[in-house]
Amino acid sequence: MTKQEKTQHTLKKDRYVKVRGGNSHFLDIYCAKCSQHIVLYQKDGPGSLLRMYLDRILEPQHLLSILQNKEKKAVSLKCSNCGLLIGTPMIYERENRPAFRLIRGSFVKMRSDGTYPPSHRDPGGGNDECQN
């Protein structure tokens, strides 16, 4: 396995952040079944994580290239390791934005500093914050 360079992301600041009160942070999303890292995501505003907007998914790059391929039919978000279904494609009608409707209990979220790949922490056990 080749060692991947760490990438530090910065928060996007656009109209969606302003609408949600200007409060944004990064989340690492992990599979609840096998603890595989799924995505690095920018969450805007307070509240539960019910959906993930495609334009806020920052990493991994191979997932972004699949999602941005408009010729393909909408694809579901699944764990690349065990195949667990994490989210289904949708269009958030209020803003006409493509997103994934997340399946409660299929993922674990942890606050991140925006670095990818994430440091190796166990998302399944412990009090590291934010479980869904």
C-alpha atoms as a PDB file:
ATOM      1  CA  MET A   1       0.000   0.000   0.000  1.00  0.00           C
ATOM      2  CA  THR A   2       1.401   3.365  -0.961  1.00  0.00           C
ATOM      3  CA  LYS A   3       1.465   6.155   1.534  1.00  0.00           C
ATOM      4  CA  GLN A   4      -0.905   8.947   0.580  1.00  0.00           C
ATOM      5  CA  GLU A   5       0.031  12.560   1.183  1.00  0.00           C
ATOM      6  CA  LYS A   6      -2.142  14.418   3.645  1.00  0.00           C
ATOM      7  CA  THR A   7      -4.379  17.120   2.207  1.00  0.00           C
ATOM      8  CA  GLN A   8      -5.631  19.992   4.353  1.00  0.00           C
ATOM      9  CA  HIS A   9      -8.990  21.354   3.217  1.00  0.00           C
ATOM     10  CA  THR A  10     -10.471  24.765   3.976  1.00  0.00           C
ATOM     11  CA  LEU A  11     -14.134  25.464   4.617  1.00  0.00           C
ATOM     12  CA  LYS A  12     -16.202  26.566   1.631  1.00  0.00           C
ATOM     13  CA  LYS A  13     -17.901  29.903   2.206  1.00  0.00           C
ATOM     14  CA  ASP A  14     -20.879  30.472  -0.053  1.00  0.00           C
ATOM     15  CA  ARG A  15     -24.582  31.325   0.097  1.00  0.00           C
ATOM     16  CA  TYR A  16     -25.465  27.960   1.640  1.00  0.00           C
ATOM     17  CA  VAL A  17     -23.202  28.622   4.632  1.00  0.00           C
ATOM     18  CA  LYS A  18     -24.746  32.072   5.114  1.00  0.00           C
ATOM     19  CA  VAL A  19     -28.303  30.673   4.967  1.00  0.00           C
ATOM     20  CA  ARG A  20     -27.424  28.194   7.720  1.00  0.00           C
ATOM     21  CA  GLY A  21     -25.977  30.801  10.052  1.00  0.00           C
ATOM     22  CA  GLY A  22     -22.298  30.757   9.076  1.00  0.00           C
ATOM     23  CA  ASN A  23     -21.483  27.810  11.333  1.00  0.00           C
ATOM     24  CA  SER A  24     -19.531  25.128   9.443  1.00  0.00           C
ATOM     25  CA  HIS A  25     -17.251  22.269  10.433  1.00  0.00           C
ATOM     26  CA  PHE A  26     -15.703  19.133   8.967  1.00  0.00           C
ATOM     27  CA  LEU A  27     -16.929  15.609   9.692  1.00  0.00           C
ATOM     28  CA  ASP A  28     -15.311  12.263   8.984  1.00  0.00           C
ATOM     29  CA  ILE A  29     -18.023   9.743   8.136  1.00  0.00           C
ATOM     30  CA  TYR A  30     -17.337   6.058   8.883  1.00  0.00           C
ATOM     31  CA  CYS A  31     -19.248   2.841   8.208  1.00  0.00           C
ATOM     32  CA  ALA A  32     -21.061   1.706  11.374  1.00  0.00           C
ATOM     33  CA  LYS A  33     -20.525  -1.958  10.495  1.00  0.00           C
ATOM     34  CA  CYS A  34     -16.803  -2.160   9.677  1.00  0.00           C
ATOM     35  CA  SER A  35     -15.437   1.315  10.653  1.00  0.00           C
ATOM     36  CA  GLN A  36     -14.173   2.022   7.096  1.00  0.00           C
ATOM     37  CA  HIS A  37     -13.758   5.742   6.349  1.00  0.00           C
ATOM     38  CA  ILE A  38     -16.422   6.790   3.837  1.00  0.00           C
ATOM     39  CA  VAL A  39     -16.077  10.551   3.240  1.00  0.00           C
ATOM     40  CA  LEU A  40     -14.741  13.845   4.540  1.00  0.00           C
ATOM     41  CA  TYR A  41     -17.758  16.174   4.633  1.00  0.00           C
ATOM     42  CA  GLN A  42     -18.373  19.856   5.362  1.00  0.00           C
ATOM     43  CA  LYS A  43     -21.449  20.238   7.579  1.00  0.00           C
ATOM     44  CA  ASP A  44     -23.074  23.677   7.481  1.00  0.00           C
ATOM     45  CA  GLY A  45     -25.289  24.819  10.328  1.00  0.00           C
ATOM     46  CA  PRO A  46     -26.565  23.154  13.478  1.00  0.00           C
ATOM     47  CA  GLY A  47     -28.690  20.052  13.755  1.00  0.00           C
ATOM     48  CA  SER A  48     -28.548  16.384  12.893  1.00  0.00           C
ATOM     49  CA  LEU A  49     -26.880  15.051   9.772  1.00  0.00           C
ATOM     50  CA  LEU A  50     -29.896  13.911   7.737  1.00  0.00           C
ATOM     51  CA  ARG A  51     -28.471  14.356   4.244  1.00  0.00           C
ATOM     52  CA  MET A  52     -25.093  14.980   2.641  1.00  0.00           C
ATOM     53  CA  TYR A  53     -24.953  17.431  -0.245  1.00  0.00           C
ATOM     54  CA  LEU A  54     -22.701  16.293  -3.061  1.00  0.00           C
ATOM     55  CA  ASP A  55     -20.981  19.690  -3.277  1.00  0.00           C
ATOM     56  CA  ARG A  56     -19.907  19.351   0.372  1.00  0.00           C
ATOM     57  CA  ILE A  57     -18.221  15.952   0.005  1.00  0.00           C
ATOM     58  CA  LEU A  58     -14.509  16.793  -0.125  1.00  0.00           C
ATOM     59  CA  GLU A  59     -12.755  13.416  -0.196  1.00  0.00           C
ATOM     60  CA  PRO A  60     -12.043  10.758  -1.416  1.00  0.00           C
ATOM     61  CA  GLN A  61     -11.358  11.908  -4.941  1.00  0.00           C
ATOM     62  CA  HIS A  62     -12.395   8.632  -6.623  1.00  0.00           C
ATOM     63  CA  LEU A  63     -15.880   9.006  -5.116  1.00  0.00           C
ATOM     64  CA  LEU A  64     -16.095  12.600  -6.326  1.00  0.00           C
ATOM     65  CA  SER A  65     -15.294  11.578  -9.885  1.00  0.00           C
ATOM     66  CA  ILE A  66     -18.109   8.993  -9.810  1.00  0.00           C
ATOM     67  CA  LEU A  67     -20.589  11.494  -8.394  1.00  0.00           C
ATOM     68  CA  GLN A  68     -19.683  14.201 -10.912  1.00  0.00           C
ATOM     69  CA  ASN A  69     -20.147  11.882 -13.893  1.00  0.00           C
ATOM     70  CA  LYS A  70     -23.524  13.150 -15.104  1.00  0.00           C
ATOM     71  CA  GLU A  71     -23.913  10.453 -17.771  1.00  0.00           C
ATOM     72  CA  LYS A  72     -24.359   7.721 -15.163  1.00  0.00           C
ATOM     73  CA  LYS A  73     -27.554   7.159 -13.266  1.00  0.00           C
ATOM     74  CA  ALA A  74     -27.614   8.352  -9.658  1.00  0.00           C
ATOM     75  CA  VAL A  75     -25.592   5.996  -7.489  1.00  0.00           C
ATOM     76  CA  SER A  76     -26.151   5.089  -3.846  1.00  0.00           C
ATOM     77  CA  LEU A  77     -23.508   5.740  -1.204  1.00  0.00           C
ATOM     78  CA  LYS A  78     -22.136   2.415   0.021  1.00  0.00           C
ATOM     79  CA  CYS A  79     -19.208   1.328   2.128  1.00  0.00           C
ATOM     80  CA  SER A  80     -16.344   0.328  -0.161  1.00  0.00           C
ATOM     81  CA  ASN A  81     -15.255  -2.355   2.311  1.00  0.00           C
ATOM     82  CA  CYS A  82     -18.429  -4.222   3.370  1.00  0.00           C
ATOM     83  CA  GLY A  83     -21.036  -2.844   0.959  1.00  0.00           C
ATOM     84  CA  LEU A  84     -23.388  -1.456   3.650  1.00  0.00           C
ATOM     85  CA  LEU A  85     -25.837   1.084   2.197  1.00  0.00           C
ATOM     86  CA  ILE A  86     -25.118   4.483   3.789  1.00  0.00           C
ATOM     87  CA  GLY A  87     -27.318   6.804   1.722  1.00  0.00           C
ATOM     88  CA  THR A  88     -29.645   6.994  -1.259  1.00  0.00           C
ATOM     89  CA  PRO A  89     -29.580   9.710  -3.937  1.00  0.00           C
ATOM     90  CA  MET A  90     -32.081  12.544  -3.782  1.00  0.00           C
ATOM     91  CA  ILE A  91     -32.632  16.129  -4.864  1.00  0.00           C
ATOM     92  CA  TYR A  92     -33.212  18.524  -1.965  1.00  0.00           C
ATOM     93  CA  GLU A  93     -36.094  20.437  -3.516  1.00  0.00           C
ATOM     94  CA  ARG A  94     -35.855  23.690  -1.521  1.00  0.00           C
ATOM     95  CA  GLU A  95     -32.423  24.379  -2.983  1.00  0.00           C
ATOM     96  CA  ASN A  96     -32.503  22.047  -6.003  1.00  0.00           C
ATOM     97  CA  ARG A  97     -29.261  20.406  -4.784  1.00  0.00           C
ATOM     98  CA  PRO A  98     -28.258  16.773  -5.279  1.00  0.00           C
ATOM     99  CA  ALA A  99     -27.668  14.975  -2.004  1.00  0.00           C
ATOM    100  CA  PHE A 100     -27.649  11.622  -0.267  1.00  0.00           C
ATOM    101  CA  ARG A 101     -30.491  10.879   2.157  1.00  0.00           C
ATOM    102  CA  LEU A 102     -28.618   9.134   4.957  1.00  0.00           C
ATOM    103  CA  ILE A 103     -29.790   5.925   6.569  1.00  0.00           C
ATOM    104  CA  ARG A 104     -29.842   6.377  10.306  1.00  0.00           C
ATOM    105  CA  GLY A 105     -27.555   3.955  12.142  1.00  0.00           C
ATOM    106  CA  SER A 106     -25.509   3.045   9.060  1.00  0.00           C
ATOM    107  CA  PHE A 107     -22.737   5.544   9.744  1.00  0.00           C
ATOM    108  CA  VAL A 108     -20.717   7.107  12.535  1.00  0.00           C
ATOM    109  CA  LYS A 109     -19.555  10.704  12.357  1.00  0.00           C
ATOM    110  CA  MET A 110     -16.581  12.315  14.057  1.00  0.00           C
ATOM    111  CA  ARG A 111     -15.450  15.907  14.036  1.00  0.00           C
ATOM    112  CA  SER A 112     -12.437  16.506  11.837  1.00  0.00           C
ATOM    113  CA  ASP A 113      -9.856  19.206  11.260  1.00  0.00           C
ATOM    114  CA  GLY A 114     -10.256  18.856   7.483  1.00  0.00           C
ATOM    115  CA  THR A 115      -7.191  16.662   6.948  1.00  0.00           C
ATOM    116  CA  TYR A 116      -7.438  13.732   4.543  1.00  0.00           C
ATOM    117  CA  PRO A 117      -6.735  10.890   4.976  1.00  0.00           C
ATOM    118  CA  PRO A 118      -7.901  11.047   8.586  1.00  0.00           C
ATOM    119  CA  SER A 119      -5.736   9.971  11.471  1.00  0.00           C
ATOM    120  CA  HIS A 120      -6.428   6.378  12.448  1.00  0.00           C
ATOM    121  CA  ARG A 121      -8.929   6.623  15.281  1.00  0.00           C
ATOM    122  CA  ASP A 122     -11.556   4.059  16.153  1.00  0.00           C
ATOM    123  CA  PRO A 123     -14.928   5.627  15.333  1.00  0.00           C
ATOM    124  CA  GLY A 124     -16.847   2.760  16.900  1.00  0.00           C
ATOM    125  CA  GLY A 125     -15.772   2.963  20.499  1.00  0.00           C
ATOM    126  CA  GLY A 126     -15.207   5.832  22.728  1.00  0.00           C
ATOM    127  CA  ASN A 127     -16.451   9.253  23.450  1.00  0.00           C
ATOM    128  CA  ASP A 128     -14.797  11.106  20.615  1.00  0.00           C
ATOM    129  CA  GLU A 129     -18.011  13.082  19.968  1.00  0.00           C
ATOM    130  CA  CYS A 130     -20.816  13.026  17.475  1.00  0.00           C
ATOM    131  CA  GLN A 131     -22.365   9.627  17.102  1.00  0.00           C
ATOM    132  CA  ASN A 132     -25.612   9.699  15.113  1.00  0.00           C
END
